[in-house]
Amino acid sequence: MLGTWWFWAVAAAVLAVAEALAPGWVFLGFALGAAGMSLWLLAGGPFAMMVSGSASIQLLVFAVLSLAGWALLRRIFGARKGQVRIVRKDINDN
């Protein structure tokens, strides 16, 4: 079942919706990985044929693509220099 491209496309859509419901840049990296995996299997080719035969290899490629997607998002939208927030007074201080 993991070998079909539409499974990964649905997983990408579900993860993107999960990111919209619980924002925090966590699920979006996974959604990018699932979308990349879907496009990779849809494009075909010899590597896609090799990957589609093994669920463990698919999960490994999905993990690598998700990590790359998260790193890309961190690079684009991550904390910029000079934007560090320093808390000097706690809300619980009297």
PDB file of N, CA and C in Angstrom:
ATOM      1  N   MET A   1       0.812  -1.188   0.000  1.00  0.00           N
ATOM      2  CA  MET A   1       0.000   0.000   0.000  1.00  0.00           C
ATOM      3  C   MET A   1       0.861   1.260   0.000  1.00  0.00           C
ATOM      4  N   LEU A   2       2.019   1.211   0.606  1.00  0.00           N
ATOM      5  CA  LEU A   2       2.864   2.392   0.645  1.00  0.00           C
ATOM      6  C   LEU A   2       3.455   2.724  -0.716  1.00  0.00           C
ATOM      7  N   GLY A   3       3.345   1.812  -1.664  1.00  0.00           N
ATOM      8  CA  GLY A   3       3.952   2.033  -2.967  1.00  0.00           C
ATOM      9  C   GLY A   3       3.133   2.907  -3.893  1.00  0.00           C
ATOM     10  N   THR A   4       1.924   3.242  -3.522  1.00  0.00           N
ATOM     11  CA  THR A   4       1.103   4.045  -4.422  1.00  0.00           C
ATOM     12  C   THR A   4       1.298   5.528  -4.130  1.00  0.00           C
ATOM     13  N   TRP A   5       1.368   6.305  -5.175  1.00  0.00           N
ATOM     14  CA  TRP A   5       1.641   7.733  -5.036  1.00  0.00           C
ATOM     15  C   TRP A   5       0.498   8.458  -4.346  1.00  0.00           C
ATOM     16  N   TRP A   6      -0.738   7.998  -4.554  1.00  0.00           N
ATOM     17  CA  TRP A   6      -1.881   8.704  -3.986  1.00  0.00           C
ATOM     18  C   TRP A   6      -1.925   8.562  -2.460  1.00  0.00           C
ATOM     19  N   PHE A   7      -1.376   7.472  -1.917  1.00  0.00           N
ATOM     20  CA  PHE A   7      -1.303   7.318  -0.458  1.00  0.00           C
ATOM     21  C   PHE A   7      -0.464   8.443   0.142  1.00  0.00           C
ATOM     22  N   TRP A   8       0.662   8.739  -0.488  1.00  0.00           N
ATOM     23  CA  TRP A   8       1.534   9.789   0.012  1.00  0.00           C
ATOM     24  C   TRP A   8       0.916  11.164  -0.219  1.00  0.00           C
ATOM     25  N   ALA A   9       0.141  11.327  -1.297  1.00  0.00           N
ATOM     26  CA  ALA A   9      -0.533  12.603  -1.545  1.00  0.00           C
ATOM     27  C   ALA A   9      -1.599  12.872  -0.485  1.00  0.00           C
ATOM     28  N   VAL A  10      -2.343  11.842  -0.130  1.00  0.00           N
ATOM     29  CA  VAL A  10      -3.355  11.987   0.926  1.00  0.00           C
ATOM     30  C   VAL A  10      -2.679  12.258   2.262  1.00  0.00           C
ATOM     31  N   ALA A  11      -1.570  11.561   2.529  1.00  0.00           N
ATOM     32  CA  ALA A  11      -0.835  11.798   3.771  1.00  0.00           C
ATOM     33  C   ALA A  11      -0.323  13.229   3.833  1.00  0.00           C
ATOM     34  N   ALA A  12       0.139  13.772   2.717  1.00  0.00           N
ATOM     35  CA  ALA A  12       0.614  15.159   2.675  1.00  0.00           C
ATOM     36  C   ALA A  12      -0.533  16.123   2.968  1.00  0.00           C
ATOM     37  N   ALA A  13      -1.697  15.858   2.400  1.00  0.00           N
ATOM     38  CA  ALA A  13      -2.848  16.732   2.636  1.00  0.00           C
ATOM     39  C   ALA A  13      -3.294  16.672   4.101  1.00  0.00           C
ATOM     40  N   VAL A  14      -3.327  15.486   4.672  1.00  0.00           N
ATOM     41  CA  VAL A  14      -3.730  15.335   6.079  1.00  0.00           C
ATOM     42  C   VAL A  14      -2.734  16.043   6.991  1.00  0.00           C
ATOM     43  N   LEU A  15      -1.445  15.905   6.705  1.00  0.00           N
ATOM     44  CA  LEU A  15      -0.436  16.568   7.525  1.00  0.00           C
ATOM     45  C   LEU A  15      -0.482  18.087   7.365  1.00  0.00           C
ATOM     46  N   ALA A  16      -0.808  18.567   6.181  1.00  0.00           N
ATOM     47  CA  ALA A  16      -0.945  20.014   5.986  1.00  0.00           C
ATOM     48  C   ALA A  16      -2.144  20.555   6.759  1.00  0.00           C
ATOM     49  N   VAL A  17      -3.235  19.807   6.793  1.00  0.00           N
ATOM     50  CA  VAL A  17      -4.397  20.214   7.580  1.00  0.00           C
ATOM     51  C   VAL A  17      -4.059  20.177   9.066  1.00  0.00           C
ATOM     52  N   ALA A  18      -3.313  19.167   9.489  1.00  0.00           N
ATOM     53  CA  ALA A  18      -2.892  19.093  10.892  1.00  0.00           C
ATOM     54  C   ALA A  18      -2.025  20.285  11.256  1.00  0.00           C
ATOM     55  N   GLU A  19      -1.198  20.746  10.339  1.00  0.00           N
ATOM     56  CA  GLU A  19      -0.377  21.935  10.593  1.00  0.00           C
ATOM     57  C   GLU A  19      -1.253  23.177  10.722  1.00  0.00           C
ATOM     58  N   ALA A  20      -2.310  23.250   9.934  1.00  0.00           N
ATOM     59  CA  ALA A  20      -3.202  24.397  10.030  1.00  0.00           C
ATOM     60  C   ALA A  20      -3.959  24.400  11.361  1.00  0.00           C
ATOM     61  N   LEU A  21      -4.289  23.226  11.868  1.00  0.00           N
ATOM     62  CA  LEU A  21      -5.020  23.136  13.131  1.00  0.00           C
ATOM     63  C   LEU A  21      -4.116  23.296  14.344  1.00  0.00           C
ATOM     64  N   ALA A  22      -2.878  22.863  14.242  1.00  0.00           N
ATOM     65  CA  ALA A  22      -1.928  22.945  15.354  1.00  0.00           C
ATOM     66  C   ALA A  22      -0.625  23.549  14.837  1.00  0.00           C
ATOM     67  N   PRO A  23      -0.615  24.868  14.631  1.00  0.00           N
ATOM     68  CA  PRO A  23       0.581  25.479  14.040  1.00  0.00           C
ATOM     69  C   PRO A  23       1.795  25.385  14.956  1.00  0.00           C
ATOM     70  N   GLY A  24       2.916  25.198  14.366  1.00  0.00           N
ATOM     71  CA  GLY A  24       4.154  25.108  15.115  1.00  0.00           C
ATOM     72  C   GLY A  24       5.296  24.658  14.232  1.00  0.00           C
ATOM     73  N   TRP A  25       5.070  24.596  12.943  1.00  0.00           N
ATOM     74  CA  TRP A  25       6.070  24.204  11.962  1.00  0.00           C
ATOM     75  C   TRP A  25       6.540  22.770  12.149  1.00  0.00           C
ATOM     76  N   VAL A  26       5.728  21.933  12.769  1.00  0.00           N
ATOM     77  CA  VAL A  26       6.113  20.543  12.977  1.00  0.00           C
ATOM     78  C   VAL A  26       5.596  19.681  11.837  1.00  0.00           C
ATOM     79  N   PHE A  27       4.311  19.757  11.589  1.00  0.00           N
ATOM     80  CA  PHE A  27       3.698  18.891  10.585  1.00  0.00           C
ATOM     81  C   PHE A  27       4.001  19.323   9.161  1.00  0.00           C
ATOM     82  N   LEU A  28       4.383  20.577   8.975  1.00  0.00           N
ATOM     83  CA  LEU A  28       4.621  21.062   7.613  1.00  0.00           C
ATOM     84  C   LEU A  28       5.847  20.406   6.983  1.00  0.00           C
ATOM     85  N   GLY A  29       6.871  20.139   7.779  1.00  0.00           N
ATOM     86  CA  GLY A  29       8.030  19.416   7.260  1.00  0.00           C
ATOM     87  C   GLY A  29       7.659  18.009   6.825  1.00  0.00           C
ATOM     88  N   PHE A  30       6.821  17.347   7.642  1.00  0.00           N
ATOM     89  CA  PHE A  30       6.357  16.011   7.273  1.00  0.00           C
ATOM     90  C   PHE A  30       5.465  16.058   6.038  1.00  0.00           C
ATOM     91  N   ALA A  31       4.654  17.106   5.924  1.00  0.00           N
ATOM     92  CA  ALA A  31       3.797  17.253   4.741  1.00  0.00           C
ATOM     93  C   ALA A  31       4.640  17.438   3.484  1.00  0.00           C
ATOM     94  N   LEU A  32       5.715  18.213   3.602  1.00  0.00           N
ATOM     95  CA  LEU A  32       6.609  18.377   2.453  1.00  0.00           C
ATOM     96  C   LEU A  32       7.287  17.060   2.083  1.00  0.00           C
ATOM     97  N   GLY A  33       7.665  16.279   3.082  1.00  0.00           N
ATOM     98  CA  GLY A  33       8.271  14.974   2.817  1.00  0.00           C
ATOM     99  C   GLY A  33       7.307  14.023   2.129  1.00  0.00           C
ATOM    100  N   ALA A  34       6.055  14.017   2.591  1.00  0.00           N
ATOM    101  CA  ALA A  34       5.050  13.149   1.962  1.00  0.00           C
ATOM    102  C   ALA A  34       4.724  13.610   0.548  1.00  0.00           C
ATOM    103  N   ALA A  35       4.671  14.924   0.343  1.00  0.00           N
ATOM    104  CA  ALA A  35       4.421  15.437  -1.011  1.00  0.00           C
ATOM    105  C   ALA A  35       5.582  15.101  -1.940  1.00  0.00           C
ATOM    106  N   GLY A  36       6.796  15.221  -1.434  1.00  0.00           N
ATOM    107  CA  GLY A  36       7.958  14.848  -2.239  1.00  0.00           C
ATOM    108  C   GLY A  36       7.969  13.376  -2.590  1.00  0.00           C
ATOM    109  N   MET A  37       7.586  12.553  -1.626  1.00  0.00           N
ATOM    110  CA  MET A  37       7.518  11.110  -1.873  1.00  0.00           C
ATOM    111  C   MET A  37       6.439  10.794  -2.912  1.00  0.00           C
ATOM    112  N   SER A  38       5.309  11.490  -2.817  1.00  0.00           N
ATOM    113  CA  SER A  38       4.231  11.292  -3.792  1.00  0.00           C
ATOM    114  C   SER A  38       4.680  11.672  -5.194  1.00  0.00           C
ATOM    115  N   LEU A  39       5.332  12.818  -5.316  1.00  0.00           N
ATOM    116  CA  LEU A  39       5.809  13.246  -6.641  1.00  0.00           C
ATOM    117  C   LEU A  39       6.881  12.315  -7.182  1.00  0.00           C
ATOM    118  N   TRP A  40       7.726  11.813  -6.289  1.00  0.00           N
ATOM    119  CA  TRP A  40       8.789  10.902  -6.701  1.00  0.00           C
ATOM    120  C   TRP A  40       8.202   9.605  -7.267  1.00  0.00           C
ATOM    121  N   LEU A  41       7.191   9.064  -6.574  1.00  0.00           N
ATOM    122  CA  LEU A  41       6.571   7.829  -7.058  1.00  0.00           C
ATOM    123  C   LEU A  41       5.735   8.075  -8.299  1.00  0.00           C
ATOM    124  N   LEU A  42       5.114   9.258  -8.394  1.00  0.00           N
ATOM    125  CA  LEU A  42       4.302   9.581  -9.567  1.00  0.00           C
ATOM    126  C   LEU A  42       5.173   9.744 -10.808  1.00  0.00           C
ATOM    127  N   ALA A  43       6.378  10.307 -10.632  1.00  0.00           N
ATOM    128  CA  ALA A  43       7.272  10.521 -11.766  1.00  0.00           C
ATOM    129  C   ALA A  43       7.790   9.210 -12.342  1.00  0.00           C
ATOM    130  N   GLY A  44       7.913   8.202 -11.489  1.00  0.00           N
ATOM    131  CA  GLY A  44       8.393   6.902 -11.968  1.00  0.00           C
ATOM    132  C   GLY A  44       9.894   6.861 -12.086  1.00  0.00           C
ATOM    133  N   GLY A  45      10.362   5.983 -12.934  1.00  0.00           N
ATOM    134  CA  GLY A  45      11.797   5.821 -13.109  1.00  0.00           C
ATOM    135  C   GLY A  45      12.312   4.615 -12.343  1.00  0.00           C
ATOM    136  N   PRO A  46      13.575   4.295 -12.521  1.00  0.00           N
ATOM    137  CA  PRO A  46      14.122   3.096 -11.878  1.00  0.00           C
ATOM    138  C   PRO A  46      14.192   3.204 -10.359  1.00  0.00           C
ATOM    139  N   PHE A  47      14.512   4.389  -9.834  1.00  0.00           N
ATOM    140  CA  PHE A  47      14.587   4.511  -8.380  1.00  0.00           C
ATOM    141  C   PHE A  47      13.199   4.417  -7.750  1.00  0.00           C
ATOM    142  N   ALA A  48      12.202   4.983  -8.423  1.00  0.00           N
ATOM    143  CA  ALA A  48      10.836   4.885  -7.910  1.00  0.00           C
ATOM    144  C   ALA A  48      10.360   3.432  -7.904  1.00  0.00           C
ATOM    145  N   MET A  49      10.771   2.660  -8.893  1.00  0.00           N
ATOM    146  CA  MET A  49      10.397   1.241  -8.920  1.00  0.00           C
ATOM    147  C   MET A  49      11.070   0.481  -7.784  1.00  0.00           C
ATOM    148  N   MET A  50      12.321   0.815  -7.491  1.00  0.00           N
ATOM    149  CA  MET A  50      13.018   0.148  -6.405  1.00  0.00           C
ATOM    150  C   MET A  50      12.405   0.528  -5.056  1.00  0.00           C
ATOM    151  N   VAL A  51      12.067   1.803  -4.903  1.00  0.00           N
ATOM    152  CA  VAL A  51      11.502   2.275  -3.638  1.00  0.00           C
ATOM    153  C   VAL A  51      10.099   1.732  -3.425  1.00  0.00           C
ATOM    154  N   SER A  52       9.316   1.616  -4.481  1.00  0.00           N
ATOM    155  CA  SER A  52       7.926   1.186  -4.331  1.00  0.00           C
ATOM    156  C   SER A  52       7.807  -0.269  -3.887  1.00  0.00           C
ATOM    157  N   GLY A  53       8.867  -1.026  -3.981  1.00  0.00           N
ATOM    158  CA  GLY A  53       8.805  -2.425  -3.576  1.00  0.00           C
ATOM    159  C   GLY A  53       9.056  -2.667  -2.102  1.00  0.00           C
ATOM    160  N   SER A  54       9.551  -1.692  -1.377  1.00  0.00           N
ATOM    161  CA  SER A  54       9.910  -1.877   0.026  1.00  0.00           C
ATOM    162  C   SER A  54       9.353  -0.744   0.871  1.00  0.00           C
ATOM    163  N   ALA A  55       8.547  -1.109   1.866  1.00  0.00           N
ATOM    164  CA  ALA A  55       7.967  -0.098   2.753  1.00  0.00           C
ATOM    165  C   ALA A  55       9.032   0.551   3.621  1.00  0.00           C
ATOM    166  N   SER A  56      10.021  -0.217   4.036  1.00  0.00           N
ATOM    167  CA  SER A  56      11.052   0.357   4.902  1.00  0.00           C
ATOM    168  C   SER A  56      11.906   1.378   4.150  1.00  0.00           C
ATOM    169  N   ILE A  57      12.197   1.125   2.890  1.00  0.00           N
ATOM    170  CA  ILE A  57      12.965   2.094   2.101  1.00  0.00           C
ATOM    171  C   ILE A  57      12.122   3.345   1.856  1.00  0.00           C
ATOM    172  N   GLN A  58      10.826   3.164   1.628  1.00  0.00           N
ATOM    173  CA  GLN A  58       9.951   4.319   1.448  1.00  0.00           C
ATOM    174  C   GLN A  58       9.918   5.188   2.697  1.00  0.00           C
ATOM    175  N   LEU A  59       9.822   4.556   3.855  1.00  0.00           N
ATOM    176  CA  LEU A  59       9.803   5.318   5.095  1.00  0.00           C
ATOM    177  C   LEU A  59      11.130   6.032   5.334  1.00  0.00           C
ATOM    178  N   LEU A  60      12.226   5.396   4.938  1.00  0.00           N
ATOM    179  CA  LEU A  60      13.529   6.034   5.065  1.00  0.00           C
ATOM    180  C   LEU A  60      13.636   7.248   4.150  1.00  0.00           C
ATOM    181  N   VAL A  61      13.204   7.103   2.907  1.00  0.00           N
ATOM    182  CA  VAL A  61      13.240   8.230   1.965  1.00  0.00           C
ATOM    183  C   VAL A  61      12.288   9.335   2.434  1.00  0.00           C
ATOM    184  N   PHE A  62      11.127   8.951   2.959  1.00  0.00           N
ATOM    185  CA  PHE A  62      10.188   9.934   3.506  1.00  0.00           C
ATOM    186  C   PHE A  62      10.821  10.697   4.664  1.00  0.00           C
ATOM    187  N   ALA A  63      11.537   9.999   5.535  1.00  0.00           N
ATOM    188  CA  ALA A  63      12.197  10.667   6.661  1.00  0.00           C
ATOM    189  C   ALA A  63      13.263  11.637   6.188  1.00  0.00           C
ATOM    190  N   VAL A  64      14.031  11.239   5.191  1.00  0.00           N
ATOM    191  CA  VAL A  64      15.078  12.120   4.664  1.00  0.00           C
ATOM    192  C   VAL A  64      14.457  13.339   3.987  1.00  0.00           C
ATOM    193  N   LEU A  65      13.401  13.132   3.202  1.00  0.00           N
ATOM    194  CA  LEU A  65      12.730  14.257   2.555  1.00  0.00           C
ATOM    195  C   LEU A  65      12.076  15.185   3.579  1.00  0.00           C
ATOM    196  N   SER A  66      11.522  14.614   4.655  1.00  0.00           N
ATOM    197  CA  SER A  66      10.920  15.432   5.702  1.00  0.00           C
ATOM    198  C   SER A  66      11.968  16.264   6.420  1.00  0.00           C
ATOM    199  N   LEU A  67      13.110  15.667   6.686  1.00  0.00           N
ATOM    200  CA  LEU A  67      14.196  16.410   7.327  1.00  0.00           C
ATOM    201  C   LEU A  67      14.686  17.538   6.423  1.00  0.00           C
ATOM    202  N   ALA A  68      14.798  17.259   5.139  1.00  0.00           N
ATOM    203  CA  ALA A  68      15.219  18.293   4.194  1.00  0.00           C
ATOM    204  C   ALA A  68      14.169  19.408   4.111  1.00  0.00           C
ATOM    205  N   GLY A  69      12.894  19.036   4.124  1.00  0.00           N
ATOM    206  CA  GLY A  69      11.830  20.042   4.108  1.00  0.00           C
ATOM    207  C   GLY A  69      11.830  20.890   5.362  1.00  0.00           C
ATOM    208  N   TRP A  70      12.043  20.260   6.521  1.00  0.00           N
ATOM    209  CA  TRP A  70      12.103  21.004   7.774  1.00  0.00           C
ATOM    210  C   TRP A  70      13.300  21.948   7.776  1.00  0.00           C
ATOM    211  N   ALA A  71      14.452  21.479   7.302  1.00  0.00           N
ATOM    212  CA  ALA A  71      15.644  22.322   7.253  1.00  0.00           C
ATOM    213  C   ALA A  71      15.431  23.506   6.314  1.00  0.00           C
ATOM    214  N   LEU A  72      14.756  23.278   5.203  1.00  0.00           N
ATOM    215  CA  LEU A  72      14.454  24.358   4.270  1.00  0.00           C
ATOM    216  C   LEU A  72      13.531  25.384   4.912  1.00  0.00           C
ATOM    217  N   LEU A  73      12.489  24.918   5.600  1.00  0.00           N
ATOM    218  CA  LEU A  73      11.584  25.832   6.282  1.00  0.00           C
ATOM    219  C   LEU A  73      12.299  26.603   7.384  1.00  0.00           C
ATOM    220  N   ARG A  74      13.184  25.928   8.096  1.00  0.00           N
ATOM    221  CA  ARG A  74      13.936  26.583   9.172  1.00  0.00           C
ATOM    222  C   ARG A  74      14.846  27.662   8.589  1.00  0.00           C
ATOM    223  N   ARG A  75      15.421  27.376   7.451  1.00  0.00           N
ATOM    224  CA  ARG A  75      16.319  28.338   6.798  1.00  0.00           C
ATOM    225  C   ARG A  75      15.547  29.553   6.310  1.00  0.00           C
ATOM    226  N   ILE A  76      14.341  29.326   5.775  1.00  0.00           N
ATOM    227  CA  ILE A  76      13.555  30.420   5.217  1.00  0.00           C
ATOM    228  C   ILE A  76      12.843  31.213   6.316  1.00  0.00           C
ATOM    229  N   PHE A  77      12.178  30.508   7.239  1.00  0.00           N
ATOM    230  CA  PHE A  77      11.321  31.169   8.222  1.00  0.00           C
ATOM    231  C   PHE A  77      11.862  31.131   9.645  1.00  0.00           C
ATOM    232  N   GLY A  78      13.063  30.653   9.828  1.00  0.00           N
ATOM    233  CA  GLY A  78      13.629  30.510  11.170  1.00  0.00           C
ATOM    234  C   GLY A  78      13.908  31.845  11.835  1.00  0.00           C
ATOM    235  N   ALA A  79      14.393  31.771  13.062  1.00  0.00           N
ATOM    236  CA  ALA A  79      14.695  32.984  13.822  1.00  0.00           C
ATOM    237  C   ALA A  79      15.832  33.754  13.150  1.00  0.00           C
ATOM    238  N   ARG A  80      15.621  35.006  12.980  1.00  0.00           N
ATOM    239  CA  ARG A  80      16.631  35.871  12.386  1.00  0.00           C
ATOM    240  C   ARG A  80      17.546  36.407  13.484  1.00  0.00           C
ATOM    241  N   LYS A  81      18.696  36.839  13.107  1.00  0.00           N
ATOM    242  CA  LYS A  81      19.620  37.415  14.081  1.00  0.00           C
ATOM    243  C   LYS A  81      19.036  38.714  14.618  1.00  0.00           C
ATOM    244  N   GLY A  82      19.147  38.894  15.913  1.00  0.00           N
ATOM    245  CA  GLY A  82      18.619  40.087  16.546  1.00  0.00           C
ATOM    246  C   GLY A  82      17.165  39.982  16.940  1.00  0.00           C
ATOM    247  N   GLN A  83      16.533  38.844  16.717  1.00  0.00           N
ATOM    248  CA  GLN A  83      15.138  38.678  17.071  1.00  0.00           C
ATOM    249  C   GLN A  83      14.954  37.776  18.280  1.00  0.00           C
ATOM    250  N   VAL A  84      15.948  37.671  19.108  1.00  0.00           N
ATOM    251  CA  VAL A  84      15.845  36.842  20.290  1.00  0.00           C
ATOM    252  C   VAL A  84      15.083  37.612  21.354  1.00  0.00           C
ATOM    253  N   ARG A  85      14.118  36.983  21.956  1.00  0.00           N
ATOM    254  CA  ARG A  85      13.313  37.620  22.986  1.00  0.00           C
ATOM    255  C   ARG A  85      13.899  37.292  24.345  1.00  0.00           C
ATOM    256  N   ILE A  86      14.190  38.312  25.118  1.00  0.00           N
ATOM    257  CA  ILE A  86      14.713  38.131  26.469  1.00  0.00           C
ATOM    258  C   ILE A  86      13.626  38.530  27.450  1.00  0.00           C
ATOM    259  N   VAL A  87      13.202  37.589  28.271  1.00  0.00           N
ATOM    260  CA  VAL A  87      12.159  37.843  29.253  1.00  0.00           C
ATOM    261  C   VAL A  87      12.827  38.317  30.533  1.00  0.00           C
ATOM    262  N   ARG A  88      12.499  39.528  30.963  1.00  0.00           N
ATOM    263  CA  ARG A  88      13.093  40.085  32.183  1.00  0.00           C
ATOM    264  C   ARG A  88      12.133  40.009  33.365  1.00  0.00           C
ATOM    265  N   LYS A  89      10.856  39.950  33.111  1.00  0.00           N
ATOM    266  CA  LYS A  89       9.900  39.878  34.192  1.00  0.00           C
ATOM    267  C   LYS A  89       8.917  38.760  33.906  1.00  0.00           C
ATOM    268  N   ASP A  90       8.750  37.890  34.886  1.00  0.00           N
ATOM    269  CA  ASP A  90       7.851  36.767  34.744  1.00  0.00           C
ATOM    270  C   ASP A  90       6.456  37.191  35.162  1.00  0.00           C
ATOM    271  N   ILE A  91       5.459  36.587  34.580  1.00  0.00           N
ATOM    272  CA  ILE A  91       4.076  36.926  34.906  1.00  0.00           C
ATOM    273  C   ILE A  91       3.749  36.534  36.351  1.00  0.00           C
ATOM    274  N   ASN A  92       4.465  35.590  36.906  1.00  0.00           N
ATOM    275  CA  ASN A  92       4.206  35.132  38.262  1.00  0.00           C
ATOM    276  C   ASN A  92       4.984  35.907  39.326  1.00  0.00           C
ATOM    277  N   ASP A  93       5.827  36.826  38.914  1.00  0.00           N
ATOM    278  CA  ASP A  93       6.553  37.652  39.887  1.00  0.00           C
ATOM    279  C   ASP A  93       5.604  38.664  40.524  1.00  0.00           C
ATOM    280  N   ASN A  94       5.761  38.850  41.831  1.00  0.00           N
ATOM    281  CA  ASN A  94       4.913  39.824  42.551  1.00  0.00           C
ATOM    282  C   ASN A  94       5.655  41.100  42.765  1.00  0.00           C
TER     283      ASN A  94
END
